[in-house]
Amino acid sequence: MEQKKMAIIATKGTLDWSYPPLILASTAAALGWEVQVFCTFYGLQLLRKDLSGIAISPLANPAMPMPVPMPVVVAALPGMEAMATMMMKKKMKDKGVASIEELRSLCLEADVKFIACQMTVDLFDFQQSEFIDGIDYGGATTFLEFAGNTDVCLYI
């Protein structure tokens, strides 16, 4: 039986959008699938050495469960993003959910291939020294060579 393959395009860099590609990639890799994650635009945040800036915003996130209903005007106040991020990280820790760093490490240990979009790296004037070791750099063509032959291809 041929090994299953999964391709994921990660485009978001917030806390809530960082989990889906890493959970799906680590799970598929644990099942023996070959997995590649193409990180482009804000999805490059997943590959940065310093993940401390990854936050979640209650603003424009109406489905976010909050302890009390929060009007948009309150969500827009200074400090609300930091508070929402702290609350979400605490909830995840209390529920035993792995951190972004832990999930990323699991992916790397399971040979998930991460590709940093070179065009986006250049666009935002990032340096390769800002990113973790063990990743590749390439463009859409690099990713599509793999994605065109996968069983599952996801855009997150």
C-alpha atoms as a PDB file:
ATOM      1  CA  MET A   1       0.000   0.000   0.000  1.00  0.00           C
ATOM      2  CA  GLU A   2       1.356   3.407  -0.977  1.00  0.00           C
ATOM      3  CA  GLN A   3       2.092   5.943   1.766  1.00  0.00           C
ATOM      4  CA  LYS A   4      -0.589   8.618   2.085  1.00  0.00           C
ATOM      5  CA  LYS A   5       0.444  12.225   1.567  1.00  0.00           C
ATOM      6  CA  MET A   6      -0.915  15.489   2.955  1.00  0.00           C
ATOM      7  CA  ALA A   7      -0.131  19.032   1.856  1.00  0.00           C
ATOM      8  CA  ILE A   8      -1.112  22.031   3.965  1.00  0.00           C
ATOM      9  CA  ILE A   9      -0.910  25.712   3.081  1.00  0.00           C
ATOM     10  CA  ALA A  10      -0.653  27.758   6.307  1.00  0.00           C
ATOM     11  CA  THR A  11      -1.507  31.430   5.777  1.00  0.00           C
ATOM     12  CA  LYS A  12      -2.438  32.730   9.230  1.00  0.00           C
ATOM     13  CA  GLY A  13      -0.232  33.740  12.136  1.00  0.00           C
ATOM     14  CA  THR A  14      -2.598  34.145  15.070  1.00  0.00           C
ATOM     15  CA  LEU A  15      -2.803  31.759  18.007  1.00  0.00           C
ATOM     16  CA  ASP A  16      -6.133  30.264  16.969  1.00  0.00           C
ATOM     17  CA  TRP A  17      -5.040  29.809  13.357  1.00  0.00           C
ATOM     18  CA  SER A  18      -1.665  28.300  14.318  1.00  0.00           C
ATOM     19  CA  TYR A  19      -3.175  25.178  15.830  1.00  0.00           C
ATOM     20  CA  PRO A  20      -5.027  23.595  12.861  1.00  0.00           C
ATOM     21  CA  PRO A  21      -2.044  23.124  10.514  1.00  0.00           C
ATOM     22  CA  LEU A  22       0.192  21.849  13.321  1.00  0.00           C
ATOM     23  CA  ILE A  23      -2.412  19.481  14.781  1.00  0.00           C
ATOM     24  CA  LEU A  24      -3.305  18.085  11.368  1.00  0.00           C
ATOM     25  CA  ALA A  25       0.337  17.777  10.278  1.00  0.00           C
ATOM     26  CA  SER A  26       1.489  16.080  13.492  1.00  0.00           C
ATOM     27  CA  THR A  27      -1.489  13.702  13.474  1.00  0.00           C
ATOM     28  CA  ALA A  28      -1.022  12.721   9.832  1.00  0.00           C
ATOM     29  CA  ALA A  29       2.717  12.206  10.394  1.00  0.00           C
ATOM     30  CA  ALA A  30       1.957  10.032  13.441  1.00  0.00           C
ATOM     31  CA  LEU A  31      -0.263   7.923  11.179  1.00  0.00           C
ATOM     32  CA  GLY A  32       2.690   7.424   8.833  1.00  0.00           C
ATOM     33  CA  TRP A  33       1.698   9.971   6.209  1.00  0.00           C
ATOM     34  CA  GLU A  34       4.216  12.093   4.335  1.00  0.00           C
ATOM     35  CA  VAL A  35       3.393  15.711   5.197  1.00  0.00           C
ATOM     36  CA  GLN A  36       4.495  19.105   3.909  1.00  0.00           C
ATOM     37  CA  VAL A  37       3.369  22.470   5.256  1.00  0.00           C
ATOM     38  CA  PHE A  38       3.860  25.511   3.033  1.00  0.00           C
ATOM     39  CA  CYS A  39       3.954  28.618   5.256  1.00  0.00           C
ATOM     40  CA  THR A  40       3.187  31.806   3.402  1.00  0.00           C
ATOM     41  CA  PHE A  41       2.339  35.369   4.379  1.00  0.00           C
ATOM     42  CA  TYR A  42       1.334  35.419   8.059  1.00  0.00           C
ATOM     43  CA  GLY A  43       1.684  31.630   8.279  1.00  0.00           C
ATOM     44  CA  LEU A  44       5.450  32.259   8.394  1.00  0.00           C
ATOM     45  CA  GLN A  45       4.919  33.032  12.092  1.00  0.00           C
ATOM     46  CA  LEU A  46       4.762  29.265  12.680  1.00  0.00           C
ATOM     47  CA  LEU A  47       8.411  28.969  11.642  1.00  0.00           C
ATOM     48  CA  ARG A  48       9.903  31.848  13.594  1.00  0.00           C
ATOM     49  CA  LYS A  49      12.253  31.065  16.460  1.00  0.00           C
ATOM     50  CA  ASP A  50      10.369  33.451  18.723  1.00  0.00           C
ATOM     51  CA  LEU A  51       6.689  32.554  18.972  1.00  0.00           C
ATOM     52  CA  SER A  52       5.950  34.933  21.849  1.00  0.00           C
ATOM     53  CA  GLY A  53       4.266  37.427  19.522  1.00  0.00           C
ATOM     54  CA  ILE A  54       1.562  35.002  18.402  1.00  0.00           C
ATOM     55  CA  ALA A  55      -1.687  36.359  19.796  1.00  0.00           C
ATOM     56  CA  ILE A  56      -5.435  35.982  19.444  1.00  0.00           C
ATOM     57  CA  SER A  57      -7.874  38.827  18.979  1.00  0.00           C
ATOM     58  CA  PRO A  58     -11.422  38.929  20.265  1.00  0.00           C
ATOM     59  CA  LEU A  59     -12.056  41.611  17.660  1.00  0.00           C
ATOM     60  CA  ALA A  60     -13.542  40.239  14.422  1.00  0.00           C
ATOM     61  CA  ASN A  61     -13.724  36.835  16.078  1.00  0.00           C
ATOM     62  CA  PRO A  62     -17.400  36.678  17.090  1.00  0.00           C
ATOM     63  CA  ALA A  63     -17.399  32.919  17.690  1.00  0.00           C
ATOM     64  CA  MET A  64     -14.696  33.183  20.345  1.00  0.00           C
ATOM     65  CA  PRO A  65     -16.218  31.983  23.621  1.00  0.00           C
ATOM     66  CA  MET A  66     -15.632  34.577  26.305  1.00  0.00           C
ATOM     67  CA  PRO A  67     -16.590  34.348  29.974  1.00  0.00           C
ATOM     68  CA  VAL A  68     -19.004  37.232  29.444  1.00  0.00           C
ATOM     69  CA  PRO A  69     -20.514  38.597  26.228  1.00  0.00           C
ATOM     70  CA  MET A  70     -18.190  41.260  24.870  1.00  0.00           C
ATOM     71  CA  PRO A  71     -19.398  44.111  22.678  1.00  0.00           C
ATOM     72  CA  VAL A  72     -17.155  45.017  19.736  1.00  0.00           C
ATOM     73  CA  VAL A  73     -16.290  48.362  21.321  1.00  0.00           C
ATOM     74  CA  VAL A  74     -14.888  46.576  24.405  1.00  0.00           C
ATOM     75  CA  ALA A  75     -12.946  44.070  22.269  1.00  0.00           C
ATOM     76  CA  ALA A  76     -11.268  47.001  20.508  1.00  0.00           C
ATOM     77  CA  LEU A  77      -9.925  48.536  23.733  1.00  0.00           C
ATOM     78  CA  PRO A  78      -6.157  48.561  24.299  1.00  0.00           C
ATOM     79  CA  GLY A  79      -4.974  45.470  26.156  1.00  0.00           C
ATOM     80  CA  MET A  80      -7.901  43.254  25.160  1.00  0.00           C
ATOM     81  CA  GLU A  81      -5.809  41.260  22.677  1.00  0.00           C
ATOM     82  CA  ALA A  82      -3.185  40.564  25.356  1.00  0.00           C
ATOM     83  CA  MET A  83      -5.912  39.587  27.817  1.00  0.00           C
ATOM     84  CA  ALA A  84      -7.653  37.300  25.307  1.00  0.00           C
ATOM     85  CA  THR A  85      -4.318  35.676  24.430  1.00  0.00           C
ATOM     86  CA  MET A  86      -3.459  35.108  28.092  1.00  0.00           C
ATOM     87  CA  MET A  87      -6.921  33.641  28.769  1.00  0.00           C
ATOM     88  CA  MET A  88      -6.728  31.306  25.779  1.00  0.00           C
ATOM     89  CA  LYS A  89      -3.218  30.092  26.608  1.00  0.00           C
ATOM     90  CA  LYS A  90      -4.285  29.436  30.208  1.00  0.00           C
ATOM     91  CA  LYS A  91      -7.394  27.552  29.088  1.00  0.00           C
ATOM     92  CA  MET A  92      -5.323  25.428  26.707  1.00  0.00           C
ATOM     93  CA  LYS A  93      -2.766  24.668  29.411  1.00  0.00           C
ATOM     94  CA  ASP A  94      -5.493  23.814  31.932  1.00  0.00           C
ATOM     95  CA  LYS A  95      -7.090  21.441  29.412  1.00  0.00           C
ATOM     96  CA  GLY A  96      -3.762  19.788  28.546  1.00  0.00           C
ATOM     97  CA  VAL A  97      -3.584  21.132  24.993  1.00  0.00           C
ATOM     98  CA  ALA A  98      -0.037  21.156  23.658  1.00  0.00           C
ATOM     99  CA  SER A  99       1.550  24.549  23.025  1.00  0.00           C
ATOM    100  CA  ILE A 100       2.431  25.783  19.539  1.00  0.00           C
ATOM    101  CA  GLU A 101       6.106  25.137  20.347  1.00  0.00           C
ATOM    102  CA  GLU A 102       5.343  21.563  21.436  1.00  0.00           C
ATOM    103  CA  LEU A 103       3.251  20.819  18.360  1.00  0.00           C
ATOM    104  CA  ARG A 104       5.897  22.260  16.067  1.00  0.00           C
ATOM    105  CA  SER A 105       8.560  20.112  17.758  1.00  0.00           C
ATOM    106  CA  LEU A 106       6.369  17.024  17.328  1.00  0.00           C
ATOM    107  CA  CYS A 107       6.039  17.835  13.635  1.00  0.00           C
ATOM    108  CA  LEU A 108       9.785  18.230  13.200  1.00  0.00           C
ATOM    109  CA  GLU A 109      10.485  14.985  15.094  1.00  0.00           C
ATOM    110  CA  ALA A 110       7.977  13.205  12.830  1.00  0.00           C
ATOM    111  CA  ASP A 111       9.707  14.526   9.683  1.00  0.00           C
ATOM    112  CA  VAL A 112       6.993  16.960   8.630  1.00  0.00           C
ATOM    113  CA  LYS A 113       8.597  19.117   5.970  1.00  0.00           C
ATOM    114  CA  PHE A 114       8.071  22.842   6.496  1.00  0.00           C
ATOM    115  CA  ILE A 115       8.581  25.165   3.540  1.00  0.00           C
ATOM    116  CA  ALA A 116       8.914  28.900   4.137  1.00  0.00           C
ATOM    117  CA  CYS A 117       7.610  30.855   1.169  1.00  0.00           C
ATOM    118  CA  GLN A 118      10.699  32.596  -0.169  1.00  0.00           C
ATOM    119  CA  MET A 119       8.634  35.344  -1.830  1.00  0.00           C
ATOM    120  CA  THR A 120       7.027  36.207   1.527  1.00  0.00           C
ATOM    121  CA  VAL A 121      10.374  36.069   3.341  1.00  0.00           C
ATOM    122  CA  ASP A 122      11.694  38.582   0.803  1.00  0.00           C
ATOM    123  CA  LEU A 123       8.518  40.685   0.834  1.00  0.00           C
ATOM    124  CA  PHE A 124       8.669  41.279   4.591  1.00  0.00           C
ATOM    125  CA  ASP A 125      12.481  41.588   4.704  1.00  0.00           C
ATOM    126  CA  PHE A 126      12.844  38.595   7.031  1.00  0.00           C
ATOM    127  CA  GLN A 127      16.245  37.019   7.555  1.00  0.00           C
ATOM    128  CA  GLN A 128      16.697  33.240   7.566  1.00  0.00           C
ATOM    129  CA  SER A 129      18.275  33.631  11.018  1.00  0.00           C
ATOM    130  CA  GLU A 130      14.791  34.548  12.357  1.00  0.00           C
ATOM    131  CA  PHE A 131      13.482  31.078  11.505  1.00  0.00           C
ATOM    132  CA  ILE A 132      13.999  27.668  13.091  1.00  0.00           C
ATOM    133  CA  ASP A 133      16.523  25.249  11.702  1.00  0.00           C
ATOM    134  CA  GLY A 134      15.449  22.302   9.597  1.00  0.00           C
ATOM    135  CA  ILE A 135      13.058  24.063   7.232  1.00  0.00           C
ATOM    136  CA  ASP A 136      13.214  24.571   3.487  1.00  0.00           C
ATOM    137  CA  TYR A 137      12.733  27.758   1.512  1.00  0.00           C
ATOM    138  CA  GLY A 138      10.915  27.750  -1.784  1.00  0.00           C
ATOM    139  CA  GLY A 139       8.110  29.123  -3.848  1.00  0.00           C
ATOM    140  CA  ALA A 140       4.759  27.916  -5.008  1.00  0.00           C
ATOM    141  CA  THR A 141       6.371  25.651  -7.615  1.00  0.00           C
ATOM    142  CA  THR A 142       8.331  23.833  -4.907  1.00  0.00           C
ATOM    143  CA  PHE A 143       5.171  23.208  -2.932  1.00  0.00           C
ATOM    144  CA  LEU A 144       2.980  22.316  -5.906  1.00  0.00           C
ATOM    145  CA  GLU A 145       5.378  19.596  -7.033  1.00  0.00           C
ATOM    146  CA  PHE A 146       4.426  17.766  -3.827  1.00  0.00           C
ATOM    147  CA  ALA A 147       0.827  18.969  -3.451  1.00  0.00           C
ATOM    148  CA  GLY A 148      -0.124  17.788  -6.933  1.00  0.00           C
ATOM    149  CA  ASN A 149       0.412  14.194  -5.854  1.00  0.00           C
ATOM    150  CA  THR A 150      -1.227  14.197  -2.423  1.00  0.00           C
ATOM    151  CA  ASP A 151      -4.259  12.431  -1.022  1.00  0.00           C
ATOM    152  CA  VAL A 152      -5.259  15.472   1.046  1.00  0.00           C
ATOM    153  CA  CYS A 153      -4.490  19.123   0.331  1.00  0.00           C
ATOM    154  CA  LEU A 154      -5.686  21.786   2.801  1.00  0.00           C
ATOM    155  CA  TYR A 155      -5.665  25.574   2.773  1.00  0.00           C
ATOM    156  CA  ILE A 156      -5.673  26.981   6.313  1.00  0.00           C
END
